[in-house]
Amino acid sequence: MSKMKYEKASAELAEAIEQAEVIPDFLPSPDRLVLREETVRVTLNLNKRSVDFFKSSARQNGVPYQSMIRRLLDIYAERYLGERS
């Protein structure tokens, strides 16, 4: 690897950059980040106000509102399933 000169940086910063070590990528590939969990389709009647809240929040965060509701239920179930043990 060739050394670069950082002439516009302060001497302290240039030295720190030159001494830095390149670390290989250790993060998993995107396909390994996707959790594939078994799901079950259900029909559920919810309060319109609640659904409107999730739809609005989902739009602001760029995610499907159903995913937000599912995650909320998962967190709730995990919390209370743990207490039963």
PDB file of N, CA and C in Angstrom:
ATOM      1  N   MET A   1       0.845  -1.179   0.000  1.00  0.00           N
ATOM      2  CA  MET A   1       0.000   0.000   0.000  1.00  0.00           C
ATOM      3  C   MET A   1       0.890   1.242   0.000  1.00  0.00           C
ATOM      4  N   SER A   2       0.615   2.165  -0.877  1.00  0.00           N
ATOM      5  CA  SER A   2       1.447   3.365  -0.962  1.00  0.00           C
ATOM      6  C   SER A   2       1.049   4.355   0.117  1.00  0.00           C
ATOM      7  N   LYS A   3       2.029   5.093   0.590  1.00  0.00           N
ATOM      8  CA  LYS A   3       1.793   6.111   1.614  1.00  0.00           C
ATOM      9  C   LYS A   3       1.338   7.393   0.947  1.00  0.00           C
ATOM     10  N   MET A   4       0.322   8.027   1.525  1.00  0.00           N
ATOM     11  CA  MET A   4      -0.150   9.307   1.013  1.00  0.00           C
ATOM     12  C   MET A   4       0.369  10.402   1.927  1.00  0.00           C
ATOM     13  N   LYS A   5       0.611  11.552   1.377  1.00  0.00           N
ATOM     14  CA  LYS A   5       1.028  12.710   2.164  1.00  0.00           C
ATOM     15  C   LYS A   5      -0.189  13.583   2.407  1.00  0.00           C
ATOM     16  N   TYR A   6      -0.414  13.953   3.638  1.00  0.00           N
ATOM     17  CA  TYR A   6      -1.525  14.826   4.004  1.00  0.00           C
ATOM     18  C   TYR A   6      -0.951  16.194   4.329  1.00  0.00           C
ATOM     19  N   GLU A   7      -0.664  16.940   3.278  1.00  0.00           N
ATOM     20  CA  GLU A   7       0.025  18.215   3.438  1.00  0.00           C
ATOM     21  C   GLU A   7      -0.865  19.313   4.008  1.00  0.00           C
ATOM     22  N   LYS A   8      -2.181  19.231   3.772  1.00  0.00           N
ATOM     23  CA  LYS A   8      -3.053  20.299   4.245  1.00  0.00           C
ATOM     24  C   LYS A   8      -3.540  20.051   5.676  1.00  0.00           C
ATOM     25  N   ALA A   9      -3.307  18.875   6.207  1.00  0.00           N
ATOM     26  CA  ALA A   9      -3.709  18.566   7.582  1.00  0.00           C
ATOM     27  C   ALA A   9      -2.655  19.074   8.548  1.00  0.00           C
ATOM     28  N   SER A  10      -3.065  19.279   9.793  1.00  0.00           N
ATOM     29  CA  SER A  10      -2.079  19.665  10.807  1.00  0.00           C
ATOM     30  C   SER A  10      -1.080  18.521  10.950  1.00  0.00           C
ATOM     31  N   ALA A  11       0.100  18.811  11.440  1.00  0.00           N
ATOM     32  CA  ALA A  11       1.142  17.790  11.577  1.00  0.00           C
ATOM     33  C   ALA A  11       0.658  16.643  12.459  1.00  0.00           C
ATOM     34  N   GLU A  12      -0.057  16.971  13.534  1.00  0.00           N
ATOM     35  CA  GLU A  12      -0.561  15.943  14.449  1.00  0.00           C
ATOM     36  C   GLU A  12      -1.588  15.046  13.759  1.00  0.00           C
ATOM     37  N   LEU A  13      -2.503  15.661  13.019  1.00  0.00           N
ATOM     38  CA  LEU A  13      -3.528  14.898  12.304  1.00  0.00           C
ATOM     39  C   LEU A  13      -2.899  14.075  11.189  1.00  0.00           C
ATOM     40  N   ALA A  14      -1.997  14.654  10.450  1.00  0.00           N
ATOM     41  CA  ALA A  14      -1.332  13.935   9.362  1.00  0.00           C
ATOM     42  C   ALA A  14      -0.602  12.717   9.890  1.00  0.00           C
ATOM     43  N   GLU A  15       0.060  12.861  11.025  1.00  0.00           N
ATOM     44  CA  GLU A  15       0.780  11.729  11.612  1.00  0.00           C
ATOM     45  C   GLU A  15      -0.198  10.644  12.059  1.00  0.00           C
ATOM     46  N   ALA A  16      -1.301  11.052  12.670  1.00  0.00           N
ATOM     47  CA  ALA A  16      -2.300  10.082  13.122  1.00  0.00           C
ATOM     48  C   ALA A  16      -2.882   9.322  11.930  1.00  0.00           C
ATOM     49  N   ILE A  17      -3.155  10.018  10.841  1.00  0.00           N
ATOM     50  CA  ILE A  17      -3.694   9.377   9.641  1.00  0.00           C
ATOM     51  C   ILE A  17      -2.678   8.400   9.068  1.00  0.00           C
ATOM     52  N   GLU A  18      -1.416   8.807   9.016  1.00  0.00           N
ATOM     53  CA  GLU A  18      -0.369   7.939   8.462  1.00  0.00           C
ATOM     54  C   GLU A  18      -0.155   6.697   9.324  1.00  0.00           C
ATOM     55  N   GLN A  19      -0.371   6.811  10.633  1.00  0.00           N
ATOM     56  CA  GLN A  19      -0.185   5.685  11.540  1.00  0.00           C
ATOM     57  C   GLN A  19      -1.423   4.775  11.610  1.00  0.00           C
ATOM     58  N   ALA A  20      -2.530   5.240  11.043  1.00  0.00           N
ATOM     59  CA  ALA A  20      -3.780   4.476  11.118  1.00  0.00           C
ATOM     60  C   ALA A  20      -3.650   3.149  10.384  1.00  0.00           C
ATOM     61  N   GLU A  21      -4.379   2.175  10.878  1.00  0.00           N
ATOM     62  CA  GLU A  21      -4.367   0.841  10.288  1.00  0.00           C
ATOM     63  C   GLU A  21      -5.716   0.585   9.627  1.00  0.00           C
ATOM     64  N   VAL A  22      -5.701   0.064   8.417  1.00  0.00           N
ATOM     65  CA  VAL A  22      -6.941  -0.272   7.717  1.00  0.00           C
ATOM     66  C   VAL A  22      -7.463  -1.581   8.295  1.00  0.00           C
ATOM     67  N   ILE A  23      -8.713  -1.556   8.732  1.00  0.00           N
ATOM     68  CA  ILE A  23      -9.333  -2.746   9.309  1.00  0.00           C
ATOM     69  C   ILE A  23     -10.241  -3.370   8.261  1.00  0.00           C
ATOM     70  N   PRO A  24     -10.082  -4.662   8.004  1.00  0.00           N
ATOM     71  CA  PRO A  24     -10.946  -5.316   7.019  1.00  0.00           C
ATOM     72  C   PRO A  24     -12.404  -5.256   7.451  1.00  0.00           C
ATOM     73  N   ASP A  25     -13.299  -5.291   6.485  1.00  0.00           N
ATOM     74  CA  ASP A  25     -14.729  -5.247   6.754  1.00  0.00           C
ATOM     75  C   ASP A  25     -15.123  -6.473   7.572  1.00  0.00           C
ATOM     76  N   PHE A  26     -15.729  -6.260   8.737  1.00  0.00           N
ATOM     77  CA  PHE A  26     -16.117  -7.363   9.602  1.00  0.00           C
ATOM     78  C   PHE A  26     -17.631  -7.499   9.717  1.00  0.00           C
ATOM     79  N   LEU A  27     -18.357  -6.614   9.053  1.00  0.00           N
ATOM     80  CA  LEU A  27     -19.809  -6.653   9.143  1.00  0.00           C
ATOM     81  C   LEU A  27     -20.375  -7.753   8.245  1.00  0.00           C
ATOM     82  N   PRO A  28     -21.476  -8.377   8.672  1.00  0.00           N
ATOM     83  CA  PRO A  28     -22.081  -9.412   7.820  1.00  0.00           C
ATOM     84  C   PRO A  28     -22.708  -8.793   6.582  1.00  0.00           C
ATOM     85  N   SER A  29     -22.830  -9.587   5.536  1.00  0.00           N
ATOM     86  CA  SER A  29     -23.458  -9.097   4.309  1.00  0.00           C
ATOM     87  C   SER A  29     -24.942  -8.843   4.571  1.00  0.00           C
ATOM     88  N   PRO A  30     -25.580  -7.978   3.778  1.00  0.00           N
ATOM     89  CA  PRO A  30     -26.988  -7.630   4.012  1.00  0.00           C
ATOM     90  C   PRO A  30     -27.912  -8.842   4.082  1.00  0.00           C
ATOM     91  N   ASP A  31     -27.658  -9.868   3.264  1.00  0.00           N
ATOM     92  CA  ASP A  31     -28.550 -11.028   3.284  1.00  0.00           C
ATOM     93  C   ASP A  31     -28.473 -11.786   4.609  1.00  0.00           C
ATOM     94  N   ARG A  32     -27.375 -11.637   5.347  1.00  0.00           N
ATOM     95  CA  ARG A  32     -27.252 -12.289   6.650  1.00  0.00           C
ATOM     96  C   ARG A  32     -27.881 -11.455   7.766  1.00  0.00           C
ATOM     97  N   LEU A  33     -28.257 -10.223   7.465  1.00  0.00           N
ATOM     98  CA  LEU A  33     -28.906  -9.369   8.453  1.00  0.00           C
ATOM     99  C   LEU A  33     -30.420  -9.569   8.475  1.00  0.00           C
ATOM    100  N   VAL A  34     -30.968 -10.135   7.432  1.00  0.00           N
ATOM    101  CA  VAL A  34     -32.412 -10.321   7.320  1.00  0.00           C
ATOM    102  C   VAL A  34     -32.828 -11.528   8.150  1.00  0.00           C
ATOM    103  N   LEU A  35     -33.687 -11.284   9.117  1.00  0.00           N
ATOM    104  CA  LEU A  35     -34.190 -12.374   9.945  1.00  0.00           C
ATOM    105  C   LEU A  35     -35.412 -12.967   9.262  1.00  0.00           C
ATOM    106  N   ARG A  36     -35.365 -14.238   9.017  1.00  0.00           N
ATOM    107  CA  ARG A  36     -36.505 -14.916   8.406  1.00  0.00           C
ATOM    108  C   ARG A  36     -37.202 -15.731   9.485  1.00  0.00           C
ATOM    109  N   GLU A  37     -38.255 -15.145  10.018  1.00  0.00           N
ATOM    110  CA  GLU A  37     -39.003 -15.816  11.064  1.00  0.00           C
ATOM    111  C   GLU A  37     -40.307 -16.355  10.494  1.00  0.00           C
ATOM    112  N   GLU A  38     -40.764 -17.432  11.086  1.00  0.00           N
ATOM    113  CA  GLU A  38     -42.040 -17.989  10.675  1.00  0.00           C
ATOM    114  C   GLU A  38     -43.141 -17.018  11.090  1.00  0.00           C
ATOM    115  N   THR A  39     -44.036 -16.744  10.187  1.00  0.00           N
ATOM    116  CA  THR A  39     -45.148 -15.842  10.488  1.00  0.00           C
ATOM    117  C   THR A  39     -46.466 -16.575  10.271  1.00  0.00           C
ATOM    118  N   VAL A  40     -47.503 -16.048  10.866  1.00  0.00           N
ATOM    119  CA  VAL A  40     -48.844 -16.581  10.716  1.00  0.00           C
ATOM    120  C   VAL A  40     -49.746 -15.424  10.333  1.00  0.00           C
ATOM    121  N   ARG A  41     -50.525 -15.605   9.289  1.00  0.00           N
ATOM    122  CA  ARG A  41     -51.443 -14.547   8.856  1.00  0.00           C
ATOM    123  C   ARG A  41     -52.661 -14.563   9.774  1.00  0.00           C
ATOM    124  N   VAL A  42     -53.032 -13.382  10.286  1.00  0.00           N
ATOM    125  CA  VAL A  42     -54.211 -13.249  11.138  1.00  0.00           C
ATOM    126  C   VAL A  42     -55.079 -12.109  10.628  1.00  0.00           C
ATOM    127  N   THR A  43     -56.340 -12.191  10.946  1.00  0.00           N
ATOM    128  CA  THR A  43     -57.260 -11.094  10.677  1.00  0.00           C
ATOM    129  C   THR A  43     -57.552 -10.451  12.014  1.00  0.00           C
ATOM    130  N   LEU A  44     -57.362  -9.162  12.089  1.00  0.00           N
ATOM    131  CA  LEU A  44     -57.454  -8.466  13.359  1.00  0.00           C
ATOM    132  C   LEU A  44     -58.125  -7.122  13.147  1.00  0.00           C
ATOM    133  N   ASN A  45     -59.148  -6.840  13.917  1.00  0.00           N
ATOM    134  CA  ASN A  45     -59.790  -5.528  13.859  1.00  0.00           C
ATOM    135  C   ASN A  45     -59.143  -4.628  14.896  1.00  0.00           C
ATOM    136  N   LEU A  46     -58.645  -3.485  14.438  1.00  0.00           N
ATOM    137  CA  LEU A  46     -57.976  -2.533  15.318  1.00  0.00           C
ATOM    138  C   LEU A  46     -58.715  -1.210  15.303  1.00  0.00           C
ATOM    139  N   ASN A  47     -58.503  -0.433  16.327  1.00  0.00           N
ATOM    140  CA  ASN A  47     -59.070   0.898  16.430  1.00  0.00           C
ATOM    141  C   ASN A  47     -58.492   1.767  15.305  1.00  0.00           C
ATOM    142  N   LYS A  48     -59.350   2.508  14.592  1.00  0.00           N
ATOM    143  CA  LYS A  48     -58.904   3.341  13.471  1.00  0.00           C
ATOM    144  C   LYS A  48     -57.848   4.343  13.912  1.00  0.00           C
ATOM    145  N   ARG A  49     -58.023   4.908  15.089  1.00  0.00           N
ATOM    146  CA  ARG A  49     -57.062   5.887  15.594  1.00  0.00           C
ATOM    147  C   ARG A  49     -55.677   5.260  15.759  1.00  0.00           C
ATOM    148  N   SER A  50     -55.621   4.022  16.235  1.00  0.00           N
ATOM    149  CA  SER A  50     -54.343   3.331  16.394  1.00  0.00           C
ATOM    150  C   SER A  50     -53.695   3.067  15.048  1.00  0.00           C
ATOM    151  N   VAL A  51     -54.482   2.589  14.099  1.00  0.00           N
ATOM    152  CA  VAL A  51     -53.941   2.291  12.767  1.00  0.00           C
ATOM    153  C   VAL A  51     -53.445   3.575  12.107  1.00  0.00           C
ATOM    154  N   ASP A  52     -54.210   4.650  12.239  1.00  0.00           N
ATOM    155  CA  ASP A  52     -53.775   5.934  11.677  1.00  0.00           C
ATOM    156  C   ASP A  52     -52.451   6.378  12.279  1.00  0.00           C
ATOM    157  N   PHE A  53     -52.285   6.170  13.591  1.00  0.00           N
ATOM    158  CA  PHE A  53     -51.030   6.510  14.256  1.00  0.00           C
ATOM    159  C   PHE A  53     -49.875   5.726  13.639  1.00  0.00           C
ATOM    160  N   PHE A  54     -50.041   4.400  13.501  1.00  0.00           N
ATOM    161  CA  PHE A  54     -48.971   3.574  12.949  1.00  0.00           C
ATOM    162  C   PHE A  54     -48.690   3.925  11.494  1.00  0.00           C
ATOM    163  N   LYS A  55     -49.709   4.200  10.710  1.00  0.00           N
ATOM    164  CA  LYS A  55     -49.495   4.572   9.307  1.00  0.00           C
ATOM    165  C   LYS A  55     -48.706   5.876   9.211  1.00  0.00           C
ATOM    166  N   SER A  56     -49.068   6.850  10.039  1.00  0.00           N
ATOM    167  CA  SER A  56     -48.366   8.134  10.024  1.00  0.00           C
ATOM    168  C   SER A  56     -46.910   7.959  10.458  1.00  0.00           C
ATOM    169  N   SER A  57     -46.695   7.226  11.538  1.00  0.00           N
ATOM    170  CA  SER A  57     -45.332   6.992  12.029  1.00  0.00           C
ATOM    171  C   SER A  57     -44.513   6.215  11.002  1.00  0.00           C
ATOM    172  N   ALA A  58     -45.136   5.244  10.370  1.00  0.00           N
ATOM    173  CA  ALA A  58     -44.441   4.430   9.374  1.00  0.00           C
ATOM    174  C   ALA A  58     -44.015   5.284   8.177  1.00  0.00           C
ATOM    175  N   ARG A  59     -44.907   6.157   7.736  1.00  0.00           N
ATOM    176  CA  ARG A  59     -44.572   7.053   6.619  1.00  0.00           C
ATOM    177  C   ARG A  59     -43.368   7.914   6.965  1.00  0.00           C
ATOM    178  N   GLN A  60     -43.347   8.458   8.175  1.00  0.00           N
ATOM    179  CA  GLN A  60     -42.249   9.319   8.612  1.00  0.00           C
ATOM    180  C   GLN A  60     -40.923   8.566   8.677  1.00  0.00           C
ATOM    181  N   ASN A  61     -40.993   7.260   8.949  1.00  0.00           N
ATOM    182  CA  ASN A  61     -39.778   6.465   9.107  1.00  0.00           C
ATOM    183  C   ASN A  61     -39.478   5.576   7.908  1.00  0.00           C
ATOM    184  N   GLY A  62     -40.329   5.618   6.891  1.00  0.00           N
ATOM    185  CA  GLY A  62     -40.085   4.859   5.669  1.00  0.00           C
ATOM    186  C   GLY A  62     -40.140   3.349   5.850  1.00  0.00           C
ATOM    187  N   VAL A  63     -41.058   2.897   6.699  1.00  0.00           N
ATOM    188  CA  VAL A  63     -41.219   1.457   6.929  1.00  0.00           C
ATOM    189  C   VAL A  63     -42.697   1.094   6.802  1.00  0.00           C
ATOM    190  N   PRO A  64     -43.002  -0.181   6.561  1.00  0.00           N
ATOM    191  CA  PRO A  64     -44.412  -0.593   6.506  1.00  0.00           C
ATOM    192  C   PRO A  64     -45.050  -0.534   7.897  1.00  0.00           C
ATOM    193  N   TYR A  65     -46.268  -0.028   7.963  1.00  0.00           N
ATOM    194  CA  TYR A  65     -46.910   0.104   9.267  1.00  0.00           C
ATOM    195  C   TYR A  65     -47.192  -1.259   9.898  1.00  0.00           C
ATOM    196  N   GLN A  66     -47.446  -2.275   9.076  1.00  0.00           N
ATOM    197  CA  GLN A  66     -47.692  -3.610   9.620  1.00  0.00           C
ATOM    198  C   GLN A  66     -46.452  -4.132  10.353  1.00  0.00           C
ATOM    199  N   SER A  67     -45.269  -3.800   9.830  1.00  0.00           N
ATOM    200  CA  SER A  67     -44.022  -4.222  10.474  1.00  0.00           C
ATOM    201  C   SER A  67     -43.868  -3.580  11.847  1.00  0.00           C
ATOM    202  N   MET A  68     -44.294  -2.332  11.957  1.00  0.00           N
ATOM    203  CA  MET A  68     -44.216  -1.650  13.250  1.00  0.00           C
ATOM    204  C   MET A  68     -45.140  -2.315  14.266  1.00  0.00           C
ATOM    205  N   ILE A  69     -46.357  -2.630  13.842  1.00  0.00           N
ATOM    206  CA  ILE A  69     -47.311  -3.279  14.739  1.00  0.00           C
ATOM    207  C   ILE A  69     -46.790  -4.659  15.132  1.00  0.00           C
ATOM    208  N   ARG A  70     -46.280  -5.415  14.148  1.00  0.00           N
ATOM    209  CA  ARG A  70     -45.747  -6.751  14.437  1.00  0.00           C
ATOM    210  C   ARG A  70     -44.594  -6.668  15.434  1.00  0.00           C
ATOM    211  N   ARG A  71     -43.691  -5.701  15.242  1.00  0.00           N
ATOM    212  CA  ARG A  71     -42.538  -5.561  16.151  1.00  0.00           C
ATOM    213  C   ARG A  71     -43.001  -5.221  17.560  1.00  0.00           C
ATOM    214  N   LEU A  72     -43.984  -4.337  17.669  1.00  0.00           N
ATOM    215  CA  LEU A  72     -44.524  -3.978  18.975  1.00  0.00           C
ATOM    216  C   LEU A  72     -45.087  -5.207  19.680  1.00  0.00           C
ATOM    217  N   LEU A  73     -45.849  -6.023  18.958  1.00  0.00           N
ATOM    218  CA  LEU A  73     -46.404  -7.246  19.541  1.00  0.00           C
ATOM    219  C   LEU A  73     -45.301  -8.229  19.926  1.00  0.00           C
ATOM    220  N   ASP A  74     -44.269  -8.328  19.085  1.00  0.00           N
ATOM    221  CA  ASP A  74     -43.138  -9.212  19.401  1.00  0.00           C
ATOM    222  C   ASP A  74     -42.445  -8.790  20.690  1.00  0.00           C
ATOM    223  N   ILE A  75     -42.196  -7.496  20.852  1.00  0.00           N
ATOM    224  CA  ILE A  75     -41.543  -6.981  22.060  1.00  0.00           C
ATOM    225  C   ILE A  75     -42.404  -7.273  23.291  1.00  0.00           C
ATOM    226  N   TYR A  76     -43.699  -7.039  23.155  1.00  0.00           N
ATOM    227  CA  TYR A  76     -44.619  -7.293  24.265  1.00  0.00           C
ATOM    228  C   TYR A  76     -44.593  -8.771  24.649  1.00  0.00           C
ATOM    229  N   ALA A  77     -44.698  -9.647  23.654  1.00  0.00           N
ATOM    230  CA  ALA A  77     -44.706 -11.088  23.918  1.00  0.00           C
ATOM    231  C   ALA A  77     -43.391 -11.541  24.537  1.00  0.00           C
ATOM    232  N   GLU A  78     -42.258 -11.067  24.020  1.00  0.00           N
ATOM    233  CA  GLU A  78     -40.953 -11.445  24.563  1.00  0.00           C
ATOM    234  C   GLU A  78     -40.842 -11.036  26.025  1.00  0.00           C
ATOM    235  N   ARG A  79     -41.326  -9.861  26.336  1.00  0.00           N
ATOM    236  CA  ARG A  79     -41.268  -9.339  27.714  1.00  0.00           C
ATOM    237  C   ARG A  79     -42.023 -10.240  28.670  1.00  0.00           C
ATOM    238  N   TYR A  80     -43.242 -10.622  28.308  1.00  0.00           N
ATOM    239  CA  TYR A  80     -44.068 -11.377  29.217  1.00  0.00           C
ATOM    240  C   TYR A  80     -43.832 -12.891  29.131  1.00  0.00           C
ATOM    241  N   LEU A  81     -43.322 -13.382  28.024  1.00  0.00           N
ATOM    242  CA  LEU A  81     -42.933 -14.799  27.960  1.00  0.00           C
ATOM    243  C   LEU A  81     -41.753 -15.059  28.877  1.00  0.00           C
ATOM    244  N   GLY A  82     -40.855 -14.088  28.981  1.00  0.00           N
ATOM    245  CA  GLY A  82     -39.687 -14.207  29.840  1.00  0.00           C
ATOM    246  C   GLY A  82     -40.058 -14.293  31.312  1.00  0.00           C
ATOM    247  N   GLU A  83     -41.146 -13.661  31.720  1.00  0.00           N
ATOM    248  CA  GLU A  83     -41.581 -13.680  33.112  1.00  0.00           C
ATOM    249  C   GLU A  83     -42.164 -15.032  33.507  1.00  0.00           C
ATOM    250  N   ARG A  84     -42.631 -15.794  32.521  1.00  0.00           N
ATOM    251  CA  ARG A  84     -43.262 -17.086  32.816  1.00  0.00           C
ATOM    252  C   ARG A  84     -42.226 -18.159  33.141  1.00  0.00           C
ATOM    253  N   SER A  85     -40.995 -17.943  32.712  1.00  0.00           N
ATOM    254  CA  SER A  85     -39.965 -18.981  32.911  1.00  0.00           C
ATOM    255  C   SER A  85     -39.591 -19.132  34.354  1.00  0.00           C
TER     256      SER A  85
END
